[in-house]
Amino acid sequence: MPYLKPAEQARLDAAIRAAEQACRAEISVYLGTVEGDQRDFATSLHNTMVLPSRSILIMVDPSRRIVEIVTGGHVRRTLTDEEAADAVAQMGAAFAEGDLAGGLVRGVQLLGEHALD
């Protein structure tokens, strides 16, 4: 069973497109089961992106309540660890209220805003 309904997925896709256009970085969301060490798993996913140095990966495993953000070197010039942590906190607050899609959209928006080049 998918985690998001079609309308929620469309809303997330629109948020990703808008954030990517604004910050000129690739943004990807992985929503699913994480195997092994969460940081290693997230980093391996990030490394498969087209241009990892200009990419942001948001990885969420709802069943394990895991959220990881991995950023490339170019993105880290404008997106700080504190800003990424704030995005995780805001996503977590929405997730706790049962709003998975809303939390993801908000996280994408925040990361896109902070990663402006």
PDB file of N, CA and C in Angstrom:
ATOM      1  N   MET A   1       0.846  -1.195   0.000  1.00  0.00           N
ATOM      2  CA  MET A   1       0.000   0.000   0.000  1.00  0.00           C
ATOM      3  C   MET A   1       0.885   1.250   0.000  1.00  0.00           C
ATOM      4  N   PRO A   2       0.626   2.178  -0.898  1.00  0.00           N
ATOM      5  CA  PRO A   2       1.439   3.399  -0.935  1.00  0.00           C
ATOM      6  C   PRO A   2       1.193   4.262   0.308  1.00  0.00           C
ATOM      7  N   TYR A   3       2.219   4.994   0.669  1.00  0.00           N
ATOM      8  CA  TYR A   3       2.122   5.862   1.838  1.00  0.00           C
ATOM      9  C   TYR A   3       1.282   7.102   1.559  1.00  0.00           C
ATOM     10  N   LEU A   4       1.296   7.562   0.308  1.00  0.00           N
ATOM     11  CA  LEU A   4       0.586   8.790  -0.049  1.00  0.00           C
ATOM     12  C   LEU A   4      -0.530   8.496  -1.037  1.00  0.00           C
ATOM     13  N   LYS A   5      -1.624   9.210  -0.886  1.00  0.00           N
ATOM     14  CA  LYS A   5      -2.723   9.148  -1.852  1.00  0.00           C
ATOM     15  C   LYS A   5      -2.284   9.903  -3.103  1.00  0.00           C
ATOM     16  N   PRO A   6      -2.902   9.635  -4.246  1.00  0.00           N
ATOM     17  CA  PRO A   6      -2.499  10.323  -5.482  1.00  0.00           C
ATOM     18  C   PRO A   6      -2.503  11.855  -5.370  1.00  0.00           C
ATOM     19  N   ALA A   7      -3.488  12.424  -4.726  1.00  0.00           N
ATOM     20  CA  ALA A   7      -3.535  13.887  -4.588  1.00  0.00           C
ATOM     21  C   ALA A   7      -2.391  14.392  -3.712  1.00  0.00           C
ATOM     22  N   GLU A   8      -2.047  13.625  -2.678  1.00  0.00           N
ATOM     23  CA  GLU A   8      -0.930  14.008  -1.806  1.00  0.00           C
ATOM     24  C   GLU A   8       0.392  13.908  -2.565  1.00  0.00           C
ATOM     25  N   GLN A   9       0.542  12.853  -3.375  1.00  0.00           N
ATOM     26  CA  GLN A   9       1.754  12.687  -4.180  1.00  0.00           C
ATOM     27  C   GLN A   9       1.889  13.831  -5.178  1.00  0.00           C
ATOM     28  N   ALA A  10       0.783  14.224  -5.783  1.00  0.00           N
ATOM     29  CA  ALA A  10       0.806  15.342  -6.733  1.00  0.00           C
ATOM     30  C   ALA A  10       1.214  16.639  -6.037  1.00  0.00           C
ATOM     31  N   ARG A  11       0.707  16.849  -4.826  1.00  0.00           N
ATOM     32  CA  ARG A  11       1.069  18.043  -4.053  1.00  0.00           C
ATOM     33  C   ARG A  11       2.561  18.041  -3.721  1.00  0.00           C
ATOM     34  N   LEU A  12       3.083  16.882  -3.337  1.00  0.00           N
ATOM     35  CA  LEU A  12       4.506  16.760  -3.034  1.00  0.00           C
ATOM     36  C   LEU A  12       5.343  16.989  -4.291  1.00  0.00           C
ATOM     37  N   ASP A  13       4.940  16.396  -5.395  1.00  0.00           N
ATOM     38  CA  ASP A  13       5.666  16.589  -6.659  1.00  0.00           C
ATOM     39  C   ASP A  13       5.714  18.065  -7.041  1.00  0.00           C
ATOM     40  N   ALA A  14       4.602  18.771  -6.864  1.00  0.00           N
ATOM     41  CA  ALA A  14       4.558  20.199  -7.187  1.00  0.00           C
ATOM     42  C   ALA A  14       5.494  20.988  -6.272  1.00  0.00           C
ATOM     43  N   ALA A  15       5.530  20.637  -5.002  1.00  0.00           N
ATOM     44  CA  ALA A  15       6.419  21.315  -4.053  1.00  0.00           C
ATOM     45  C   ALA A  15       7.880  21.071  -4.421  1.00  0.00           C
ATOM     46  N   ILE A  16       8.202  19.840  -4.822  1.00  0.00           N
ATOM     47  CA  ILE A  16       9.578  19.527  -5.226  1.00  0.00           C
ATOM     48  C   ILE A  16       9.964  20.348  -6.452  1.00  0.00           C
ATOM     49  N   ARG A  17       9.097  20.376  -7.459  1.00  0.00           N
ATOM     50  CA  ARG A  17       9.398  21.144  -8.679  1.00  0.00           C
ATOM     51  C   ARG A  17       9.623  22.625  -8.358  1.00  0.00           C
ATOM     52  N   ALA A  18       8.765  23.196  -7.527  1.00  0.00           N
ATOM     53  CA  ALA A  18       8.900  24.619  -7.183  1.00  0.00           C
ATOM     54  C   ALA A  18      10.194  24.872  -6.415  1.00  0.00           C
ATOM     55  N   ALA A  19      10.509  24.003  -5.468  1.00  0.00           N
ATOM     56  CA  ALA A  19      11.728  24.181  -4.678  1.00  0.00           C
ATOM     57  C   ALA A  19      12.972  24.010  -5.545  1.00  0.00           C
ATOM     58  N   GLU A  20      12.952  23.042  -6.450  1.00  0.00           N
ATOM     59  CA  GLU A  20      14.091  22.831  -7.342  1.00  0.00           C
ATOM     60  C   GLU A  20      14.312  24.044  -8.247  1.00  0.00           C
ATOM     61  N   GLN A  21      13.237  24.608  -8.752  1.00  0.00           N
ATOM     62  CA  GLN A  21      13.367  25.789  -9.615  1.00  0.00           C
ATOM     63  C   GLN A  21      13.925  26.968  -8.838  1.00  0.00           C
ATOM     64  N   ALA A  22      13.520  27.101  -7.576  1.00  0.00           N
ATOM     65  CA  ALA A  22      13.977  28.225  -6.771  1.00  0.00           C
ATOM     66  C   ALA A  22      15.444  28.092  -6.378  1.00  0.00           C
ATOM     67  N   CYS A  23      15.851  26.895  -5.936  1.00  0.00           N
ATOM     68  CA  CYS A  23      17.200  26.760  -5.390  1.00  0.00           C
ATOM     69  C   CYS A  23      18.206  26.173  -6.375  1.00  0.00           C
ATOM     70  N   ARG A  24      17.736  25.683  -7.520  1.00  0.00           N
ATOM     71  CA  ARG A  24      18.598  25.121  -8.554  1.00  0.00           C
ATOM     72  C   ARG A  24      19.363  23.880  -8.082  1.00  0.00           C
ATOM     73  N   ALA A  25      18.757  23.129  -7.174  1.00  0.00           N
ATOM     74  CA  ALA A  25      19.316  21.857  -6.710  1.00  0.00           C
ATOM     75  C   ALA A  25      18.286  20.773  -6.986  1.00  0.00           C
ATOM     76  N   GLU A  26      18.759  19.535  -7.144  1.00  0.00           N
ATOM     77  CA  GLU A  26      17.847  18.412  -7.291  1.00  0.00           C
ATOM     78  C   GLU A  26      17.386  18.003  -5.902  1.00  0.00           C
ATOM     79  N   ILE A  27      16.084  17.838  -5.731  1.00  0.00           N
ATOM     80  CA  ILE A  27      15.520  17.413  -4.449  1.00  0.00           C
ATOM     81  C   ILE A  27      14.790  16.102  -4.677  1.00  0.00           C
ATOM     82  N   SER A  28      15.104  15.128  -3.840  1.00  0.00           N
ATOM     83  CA  SER A  28      14.474  13.826  -3.953  1.00  0.00           C
ATOM     84  C   SER A  28      13.971  13.394  -2.585  1.00  0.00           C
ATOM     85  N   VAL A  29      12.810  12.740  -2.594  1.00  0.00           N
ATOM     86  CA  VAL A  29      12.232  12.216  -1.359  1.00  0.00           C
ATOM     87  C   VAL A  29      12.137  10.702  -1.490  1.00  0.00           C
ATOM     88  N   TYR A  30      12.734  10.007  -0.534  1.00  0.00           N
ATOM     89  CA  TYR A  30      12.593   8.557  -0.440  1.00  0.00           C
ATOM     90  C   TYR A  30      11.649   8.291   0.721  1.00  0.00           C
ATOM     91  N   LEU A  31      10.573   7.619   0.443  1.00  0.00           N
ATOM     92  CA  LEU A  31       9.566   7.295   1.448  1.00  0.00           C
ATOM     93  C   LEU A  31       9.375   5.788   1.424  1.00  0.00           C
ATOM     94  N   GLY A  32       9.934   5.109   2.411  1.00  0.00           N
ATOM     95  CA  GLY A  32       9.839   3.661   2.406  1.00  0.00           C
ATOM     96  C   GLY A  32      10.690   3.033   3.488  1.00  0.00           C
ATOM     97  N   THR A  33      10.935   1.749   3.327  1.00  0.00           N
ATOM     98  CA  THR A  33      11.677   0.976   4.308  1.00  0.00           C
ATOM     99  C   THR A  33      13.173   1.246   4.193  1.00  0.00           C
ATOM    100  N   VAL A  34      13.783   1.483   5.335  1.00  0.00           N
ATOM    101  CA  VAL A  34      15.222   1.699   5.413  1.00  0.00           C
ATOM    102  C   VAL A  34      15.852   0.415   5.941  1.00  0.00           C
ATOM    103  N   GLU A  35      16.875  -0.042   5.242  1.00  0.00           N
ATOM    104  CA  GLU A  35      17.554  -1.261   5.648  1.00  0.00           C
ATOM    105  C   GLU A  35      18.949  -0.930   6.177  1.00  0.00           C
ATOM    106  N   GLY A  36      19.316  -1.563   7.289  1.00  0.00           N
ATOM    107  CA  GLY A  36      20.637  -1.344   7.867  1.00  0.00           C
ATOM    108  C   GLY A  36      20.745   0.005   8.541  1.00  0.00           C
ATOM    109  N   ASP A  37      21.966   0.515   8.572  1.00  0.00           N
ATOM    110  CA  ASP A  37      22.240   1.815   9.191  1.00  0.00           C
ATOM    111  C   ASP A  37      21.560   2.919   8.393  1.00  0.00           C
ATOM    112  N   GLN A  38      20.780   3.740   9.071  1.00  0.00           N
ATOM    113  CA  GLN A  38      19.981   4.754   8.368  1.00  0.00           C
ATOM    114  C   GLN A  38      20.847   5.776   7.642  1.00  0.00           C
ATOM    115  N   ARG A  39      21.930   6.215   8.230  1.00  0.00           N
ATOM    116  CA  ARG A  39      22.772   7.219   7.576  1.00  0.00           C
ATOM    117  C   ARG A  39      23.455   6.632   6.344  1.00  0.00           C
ATOM    118  N   ASP A  40      23.963   5.404   6.471  1.00  0.00           N
ATOM    119  CA  ASP A  40      24.590   4.743   5.330  1.00  0.00           C
ATOM    120  C   ASP A  40      23.581   4.542   4.198  1.00  0.00           C
ATOM    121  N   PHE A  41      22.367   4.139   4.554  1.00  0.00           N
ATOM    122  CA  PHE A  41      21.314   3.917   3.556  1.00  0.00           C
ATOM    123  C   PHE A  41      20.999   5.224   2.834  1.00  0.00           C
ATOM    124  N   ALA A  42      20.823   6.303   3.607  1.00  0.00           N
ATOM    125  CA  ALA A  42      20.507   7.607   3.015  1.00  0.00           C
ATOM    126  C   ALA A  42      21.645   8.094   2.118  1.00  0.00           C
ATOM    127  N   THR A  43      22.868   7.920   2.568  1.00  0.00           N
ATOM    128  CA  THR A  43      24.017   8.360   1.774  1.00  0.00           C
ATOM    129  C   THR A  43      24.117   7.570   0.476  1.00  0.00           C
ATOM    130  N   SER A  44      23.848   6.265   0.541  1.00  0.00           N
ATOM    131  CA  SER A  44      23.903   5.459  -0.686  1.00  0.00           C
ATOM    132  C   SER A  44      22.820   5.899  -1.669  1.00  0.00           C
ATOM    133  N   LEU A  45      21.629   6.242  -1.168  1.00  0.00           N
ATOM    134  CA  LEU A  45      20.576   6.765  -2.049  1.00  0.00           C
ATOM    135  C   LEU A  45      21.011   8.096  -2.671  1.00  0.00           C
ATOM    136  N   HIS A  46      21.558   8.978  -1.850  1.00  0.00           N
ATOM    137  CA  HIS A  46      21.992  10.295  -2.321  1.00  0.00           C
ATOM    138  C   HIS A  46      23.047  10.157  -3.419  1.00  0.00           C
ATOM    139  N   ASN A  47      23.939   9.198  -3.261  1.00  0.00           N
ATOM    140  CA  ASN A  47      25.012   9.018  -4.236  1.00  0.00           C
ATOM    141  C   ASN A  47      24.512   8.525  -5.595  1.00  0.00           C
ATOM    142  N   THR A  48      23.272   8.048  -5.666  1.00  0.00           N
ATOM    143  CA  THR A  48      22.714   7.606  -6.949  1.00  0.00           C
ATOM    144  C   THR A  48      22.047   8.746  -7.716  1.00  0.00           C
ATOM    145  N   MET A  49      21.960   9.904  -7.096  1.00  0.00           N
ATOM    146  CA  MET A  49      21.311  11.038  -7.752  1.00  0.00           C
ATOM    147  C   MET A  49      22.185  11.529  -8.918  1.00  0.00           C
ATOM    148  N   VAL A  50      21.580  12.257  -9.840  1.00  0.00           N
ATOM    149  CA  VAL A  50      22.265  12.687 -11.061  1.00  0.00           C
ATOM    150  C   VAL A  50      23.531  13.485 -10.753  1.00  0.00           C
ATOM    151  N   LEU A  51      23.434  14.457  -9.879  1.00  0.00           N
ATOM    152  CA  LEU A  51      24.573  15.292  -9.517  1.00  0.00           C
ATOM    153  C   LEU A  51      24.566  15.456  -7.990  1.00  0.00           C
ATOM    154  N   PRO A  52      25.124  14.483  -7.275  1.00  0.00           N
ATOM    155  CA  PRO A  52      25.017  14.500  -5.811  1.00  0.00           C
ATOM    156  C   PRO A  52      25.480  15.803  -5.150  1.00  0.00           C
ATOM    157  N   SER A  53      26.489  16.460  -5.713  1.00  0.00           N
ATOM    158  CA  SER A  53      26.973  17.685  -5.072  1.00  0.00           C
ATOM    159  C   SER A  53      25.931  18.796  -5.069  1.00  0.00           C
ATOM    160  N   ARG A  54      24.994  18.748  -6.015  1.00  0.00           N
ATOM    161  CA  ARG A  54      23.936  19.765  -6.109  1.00  0.00           C
ATOM    162  C   ARG A  54      22.576  19.177  -5.765  1.00  0.00           C
ATOM    163  N   SER A  55      22.565  18.216  -4.838  1.00  0.00           N
ATOM    164  CA  SER A  55      21.335  17.487  -4.530  1.00  0.00           C
ATOM    165  C   SER A  55      21.019  17.469  -3.040  1.00  0.00           C
ATOM    166  N   ILE A  56      19.727  17.306  -2.775  1.00  0.00           N
ATOM    167  CA  ILE A  56      19.214  17.149  -1.407  1.00  0.00           C
ATOM    168  C   ILE A  56      18.342  15.904  -1.408  1.00  0.00           C
ATOM    169  N   LEU A  57      18.605  15.008  -0.467  1.00  0.00           N
ATOM    170  CA  LEU A  57      17.775  13.819  -0.302  1.00  0.00           C
ATOM    171  C   LEU A  57      17.083  13.889   1.049  1.00  0.00           C
ATOM    172  N   ILE A  58      15.767  13.700   1.031  1.00  0.00           N
ATOM    173  CA  ILE A  58      14.994  13.552   2.258  1.00  0.00           C
ATOM    174  C   ILE A  58      14.558  12.094   2.307  1.00  0.00           C
ATOM    175  N   MET A  59      14.993  11.376   3.332  1.00  0.00           N
ATOM    176  CA  MET A  59      14.640   9.967   3.478  1.00  0.00           C
ATOM    177  C   MET A  59      13.756   9.803   4.716  1.00  0.00           C
ATOM    178  N   VAL A  60      12.606   9.172   4.521  1.00  0.00           N
ATOM    179  CA  VAL A  60      11.657   8.966   5.622  1.00  0.00           C
ATOM    180  C   VAL A  60      11.210   7.503   5.624  1.00  0.00           C
ATOM    181  N   ASP A  61      11.350   6.865   6.770  1.00  0.00           N
ATOM    182  CA  ASP A  61      10.817   5.518   6.984  1.00  0.00           C
ATOM    183  C   ASP A  61       9.741   5.655   8.053  1.00  0.00           C
ATOM    184  N   PRO A  62       8.474   5.752   7.635  1.00  0.00           N
ATOM    185  CA  PRO A  62       7.402   5.967   8.615  1.00  0.00           C
ATOM    186  C   PRO A  62       7.291   4.863   9.667  1.00  0.00           C
ATOM    187  N   SER A  63       7.543   3.620   9.289  1.00  0.00           N
ATOM    188  CA  SER A  63       7.385   2.527  10.253  1.00  0.00           C
ATOM    189  C   SER A  63       8.446   2.572  11.342  1.00  0.00           C
ATOM    190  N   ARG A  64       9.653   3.024  11.011  1.00  0.00           N
ATOM    191  CA  ARG A  64      10.728   3.138  12.011  1.00  0.00           C
ATOM    192  C   ARG A  64      10.852   4.553  12.570  1.00  0.00           C
ATOM    193  N   ARG A  65      10.036   5.459  12.048  1.00  0.00           N
ATOM    194  CA  ARG A  65      10.059   6.867  12.481  1.00  0.00           C
ATOM    195  C   ARG A  65      11.450   7.483  12.315  1.00  0.00           C
ATOM    196  N   ILE A  66      11.981   7.295  11.115  1.00  0.00           N
ATOM    197  CA  ILE A  66      13.314   7.792  10.780  1.00  0.00           C
ATOM    198  C   ILE A  66      13.188   8.897   9.738  1.00  0.00           C
ATOM    199  N   VAL A  67      13.938   9.978   9.962  1.00  0.00           N
ATOM    200  CA  VAL A  67      14.061  11.048   8.971  1.00  0.00           C
ATOM    201  C   VAL A  67      15.542  11.389   8.861  1.00  0.00           C
ATOM    202  N   GLU A  68      16.054  11.371   7.660  1.00  0.00           N
ATOM    203  CA  GLU A  68      17.447  11.763   7.383  1.00  0.00           C
ATOM    204  C   GLU A  68      17.450  12.722   6.213  1.00  0.00           C
ATOM    205  N   ILE A  69      18.323  13.697   6.277  1.00  0.00           N
ATOM    206  CA  ILE A  69      18.546  14.601   5.147  1.00  0.00           C
ATOM    207  C   ILE A  69      20.020  14.514   4.793  1.00  0.00           C
ATOM    208  N   VAL A  70      20.306  14.306   3.507  1.00  0.00           N
ATOM    209  CA  VAL A  70      21.679  14.284   3.012  1.00  0.00           C
ATOM    210  C   VAL A  70      21.783  15.372   1.949  1.00  0.00           C
ATOM    211  N   THR A  71      22.823  16.187   2.065  1.00  0.00           N
ATOM    212  CA  THR A  71      23.029  17.269   1.111  1.00  0.00           C
ATOM    213  C   THR A  71      24.400  17.133   0.461  1.00  0.00           C
ATOM    214  N   GLY A  72      24.498  17.593  -0.766  1.00  0.00           N
ATOM    215  CA  GLY A  72      25.768  17.602  -1.473  1.00  0.00           C
ATOM    216  C   GLY A  72      26.607  18.802  -1.082  1.00  0.00           C
ATOM    217  N   GLY A  73      27.880  18.747  -1.447  1.00  0.00           N
ATOM    218  CA  GLY A  73      28.828  19.794  -1.071  1.00  0.00           C
ATOM    219  C   GLY A  73      28.431  21.183  -1.538  1.00  0.00           C
ATOM    220  N   HIS A  74      27.949  21.303  -2.761  1.00  0.00           N
ATOM    221  CA  HIS A  74      27.543  22.615  -3.265  1.00  0.00           C
ATOM    222  C   HIS A  74      26.350  23.158  -2.471  1.00  0.00           C
ATOM    223  N   VAL A  75      25.406  22.292  -2.150  1.00  0.00           N
ATOM    224  CA  VAL A  75      24.205  22.708  -1.410  1.00  0.00           C
ATOM    225  C   VAL A  75      24.580  23.152   0.004  1.00  0.00           C
ATOM    226  N   ARG A  76      25.577  22.497   0.597  1.00  0.00           N
ATOM    227  CA  ARG A  76      25.975  22.835   1.968  1.00  0.00           C
ATOM    228  C   ARG A  76      26.545  24.241   2.092  1.00  0.00           C
ATOM    229  N   ARG A  77      26.872  24.869   0.981  1.00  0.00           N
ATOM    230  CA  ARG A  77      27.355  26.256   1.035  1.00  0.00           C
ATOM    231  C   ARG A  77      26.266  27.215   1.506  1.00  0.00           C
ATOM    232  N   THR A  78      25.001  26.862   1.228  1.00  0.00           N
ATOM    233  CA  THR A  78      23.902  27.763   1.598  1.00  0.00           C
ATOM    234  C   THR A  78      22.941  27.138   2.602  1.00  0.00           C
ATOM    235  N   LEU A  79      22.888  25.825   2.663  1.00  0.00           N
ATOM    236  CA  LEU A  79      21.976  25.125   3.573  1.00  0.00           C
ATOM    237  C   LEU A  79      22.770  24.589   4.753  1.00  0.00           C
ATOM    238  N   THR A  80      22.546  25.168   5.934  1.00  0.00           N
ATOM    239  CA  THR A  80      23.312  24.762   7.111  1.00  0.00           C
ATOM    240  C   THR A  80      22.705  23.522   7.770  1.00  0.00           C
ATOM    241  N   ASP A  81      23.504  22.890   8.621  1.00  0.00           N
ATOM    242  CA  ASP A  81      23.001  21.747   9.393  1.00  0.00           C
ATOM    243  C   ASP A  81      21.835  22.172  10.288  1.00  0.00           C
ATOM    244  N   GLU A  82      21.902  23.366  10.823  1.00  0.00           N
ATOM    245  CA  GLU A  82      20.831  23.865  11.688  1.00  0.00           C
ATOM    246  C   GLU A  82      19.527  24.039  10.909  1.00  0.00           C
ATOM    247  N   GLU A  83      19.627  24.532   9.680  1.00  0.00           N
ATOM    248  CA  GLU A  83      18.437  24.697   8.848  1.00  0.00           C
ATOM    249  C   GLU A  83      17.857  23.337   8.454  1.00  0.00           C
ATOM    250  N   ALA A  84      18.721  22.380   8.177  1.00  0.00           N
ATOM    251  CA  ALA A  84      18.243  21.027   7.871  1.00  0.00           C
ATOM    252  C   ALA A  84      17.575  20.418   9.103  1.00  0.00           C
ATOM    253  N   ALA A  85      18.171  20.636  10.267  1.00  0.00           N
ATOM    254  CA  ALA A  85      17.586  20.115  11.514  1.00  0.00           C
ATOM    255  C   ALA A  85      16.224  20.754  11.784  1.00  0.00           C
ATOM    256  N   ASP A  86      16.091  22.048  11.476  1.00  0.00           N
ATOM    257  CA  ASP A  86      14.802  22.722  11.633  1.00  0.00           C
ATOM    258  C   ASP A  86      13.755  22.099  10.710  1.00  0.00           C
ATOM    259  N   ALA A  87      14.145  21.787   9.478  1.00  0.00           N
ATOM    260  CA  ALA A  87      13.220  21.142   8.534  1.00  0.00           C
ATOM    261  C   ALA A  87      12.795  19.780   9.073  1.00  0.00           C
ATOM    262  N   VAL A  88      13.741  19.022   9.626  1.00  0.00           N
ATOM    263  CA  VAL A  88      13.419  17.712  10.209  1.00  0.00           C
ATOM    264  C   VAL A  88      12.445  17.880  11.371  1.00  0.00           C
ATOM    265  N   ALA A  89      12.689  18.876  12.219  1.00  0.00           N
ATOM    266  CA  ALA A  89      11.807  19.111  13.365  1.00  0.00           C
ATOM    267  C   ALA A  89      10.396  19.468  12.918  1.00  0.00           C
ATOM    268  N   GLN A  90      10.286  20.318  11.899  1.00  0.00           N
ATOM    269  CA  GLN A  90       8.958  20.710  11.416  1.00  0.00           C
ATOM    270  C   GLN A  90       8.248  19.549  10.724  1.00  0.00           C
ATOM    271  N   MET A  91       9.014  18.730   9.989  1.00  0.00           N
ATOM    272  CA  MET A  91       8.409  17.541   9.390  1.00  0.00           C
ATOM    273  C   MET A  91       7.937  16.594  10.488  1.00  0.00           C
ATOM    274  N   GLY A  92       8.771  16.383  11.483  1.00  0.00           N
ATOM    275  CA  GLY A  92       8.423  15.488  12.585  1.00  0.00           C
ATOM    276  C   GLY A  92       7.168  15.925  13.316  1.00  0.00           C
ATOM    277  N   ALA A  93       7.000  17.228  13.495  1.00  0.00           N
ATOM    278  CA  ALA A  93       5.796  17.735  14.167  1.00  0.00           C
ATOM    279  C   ALA A  93       4.551  17.404  13.345  1.00  0.00           C
ATOM    280  N   ALA A  94       4.633  17.576  12.025  1.00  0.00           N
ATOM    281  CA  ALA A  94       3.489  17.239  11.158  1.00  0.00           C
ATOM    282  C   ALA A  94       3.242  15.736  11.159  1.00  0.00           C
ATOM    283  N   PHE A  95       4.315  14.948  11.102  1.00  0.00           N
ATOM    284  CA  PHE A  95       4.162  13.489  11.116  1.00  0.00           C
ATOM    285  C   PHE A  95       3.480  13.036  12.400  1.00  0.00           C
ATOM    286  N   ALA A  96       3.845  13.652  13.514  1.00  0.00           N
ATOM    287  CA  ALA A  96       3.261  13.291  14.810  1.00  0.00           C
ATOM    288  C   ALA A  96       1.761  13.558  14.840  1.00  0.00           C
ATOM    289  N   GLU A  97       1.314  14.525  14.039  1.00  0.00           N
ATOM    290  CA  GLU A  97      -0.112  14.838  13.956  1.00  0.00           C
ATOM    291  C   GLU A  97      -0.813  13.994  12.889  1.00  0.00           C
ATOM    292  N   GLY A  98      -0.070  13.075  12.285  1.00  0.00           N
ATOM    293  CA  GLY A  98      -0.654  12.209  11.265  1.00  0.00           C
ATOM    294  C   GLY A  98      -0.668  12.792   9.865  1.00  0.00           C
ATOM    295  N   ASP A  99       0.086  13.855   9.642  1.00  0.00           N
ATOM    296  CA  ASP A  99       0.102  14.524   8.341  1.00  0.00           C
ATOM    297  C   ASP A  99       1.424  14.256   7.631  1.00  0.00           C
ATOM    298  N   LEU A 100       1.561  13.074   7.071  1.00  0.00           N
ATOM    299  CA  LEU A 100       2.790  12.687   6.385  1.00  0.00           C
ATOM    300  C   LEU A 100       3.037  13.575   5.165  1.00  0.00           C
ATOM    301  N   ALA A 101       2.036  13.729   4.323  1.00  0.00           N
ATOM    302  CA  ALA A 101       2.195  14.532   3.104  1.00  0.00           C
ATOM    303  C   ALA A 101       2.494  15.993   3.435  1.00  0.00           C
ATOM    304  N   GLY A 102       1.767  16.547   4.376  1.00  0.00           N
ATOM    305  CA  GLY A 102       1.998  17.939   4.758  1.00  0.00           C
ATOM    306  C   GLY A 102       3.390  18.157   5.319  1.00  0.00           C
ATOM    307  N   GLY A 103       3.866  17.205   6.108  1.00  0.00           N
ATOM    308  CA  GLY A 103       5.212  17.306   6.660  1.00  0.00           C
ATOM    309  C   GLY A 103       6.271  17.262   5.573  1.00  0.00           C
ATOM    310  N   LEU A 104       6.091  16.365   4.612  1.00  0.00           N
ATOM    311  CA  LEU A 104       7.048  16.282   3.512  1.00  0.00           C
ATOM    312  C   LEU A 104       7.050  17.558   2.675  1.00  0.00           C
ATOM    313  N   VAL A 105       5.858  18.062   2.366  1.00  0.00           N
ATOM    314  CA  VAL A 105       5.761  19.301   1.582  1.00  0.00           C
ATOM    315  C   VAL A 105       6.447  20.444   2.322  1.00  0.00           C
ATOM    316  N   ARG A 106       6.188  20.560   3.607  1.00  0.00           N
ATOM    317  CA  ARG A 106       6.803  21.645   4.389  1.00  0.00           C
ATOM    318  C   ARG A 106       8.320  21.494   4.423  1.00  0.00           C
ATOM    319  N   GLY A 107       8.802  20.266   4.593  1.00  0.00           N
ATOM    320  CA  GLY A 107      10.238  20.034   4.604  1.00  0.00           C
ATOM    321  C   GLY A 107      10.886  20.410   3.278  1.00  0.00           C
ATOM    322  N   VAL A 108      10.269  20.024   2.186  1.00  0.00           N
ATOM    323  CA  VAL A 108      10.785  20.361   0.858  1.00  0.00           C
ATOM    324  C   VAL A 108      10.816  21.885   0.687  1.00  0.00           C
ATOM    325  N   GLN A 109       9.746  22.550   1.094  1.00  0.00           N
ATOM    326  CA  GLN A 109       9.697  24.008   0.962  1.00  0.00           C
ATOM    327  C   GLN A 109      10.810  24.684   1.768  1.00  0.00           C
ATOM    328  N   LEU A 110      10.972  24.263   3.013  1.00  0.00           N
ATOM    329  CA  LEU A 110      12.009  24.860   3.871  1.00  0.00           C
ATOM    330  C   LEU A 110      13.403  24.636   3.307  1.00  0.00           C
ATOM    331  N   LEU A 111      13.683  23.406   2.892  1.00  0.00           N
ATOM    332  CA  LEU A 111      15.007  23.116   2.360  1.00  0.00           C
ATOM    333  C   LEU A 111      15.258  23.889   1.074  1.00  0.00           C
ATOM    334  N   GLY A 112      14.253  24.005   0.233  1.00  0.00           N
ATOM    335  CA  GLY A 112      14.383  24.778  -0.994  1.00  0.00           C
ATOM    336  C   GLY A 112      14.657  26.253  -0.716  1.00  0.00           C
ATOM    337  N   GLU A 113      13.967  26.801   0.281  1.00  0.00           N
ATOM    338  CA  GLU A 113      14.167  28.208   0.646  1.00  0.00           C
ATOM    339  C   GLU A 113      15.585  28.438   1.177  1.00  0.00           C
ATOM    340  N   HIS A 114      16.058  27.552   2.031  1.00  0.00           N
ATOM    341  CA  HIS A 114      17.368  27.726   2.656  1.00  0.00           C
ATOM    342  C   HIS A 114      18.516  27.421   1.705  1.00  0.00           C
ATOM    343  N   ALA A 115      18.258  26.624   0.667  1.00  0.00           N
ATOM    344  CA  ALA A 115      19.324  26.242  -0.262  1.00  0.00           C
ATOM    345  C   ALA A 115      19.447  27.185  -1.450  1.00  0.00           C
ATOM    346  N   LEU A 116      18.781  28.325  -1.386  1.00  0.00           N
ATOM    347  CA  LEU A 116      18.856  29.276  -2.500  1.00  0.00           C
ATOM    348  C   LEU A 116      20.306  29.602  -2.801  1.00  0.00           C
ATOM    349  N   ASP A 117      20.649  29.521  -4.068  1.00  0.00           N
ATOM    350  CA  ASP A 117      22.031  29.710  -4.513  1.00  0.00           C
ATOM    351  C   ASP A 117      22.351  31.164  -4.728  1.00  0.00           C
TER     352      ASP A 117
END
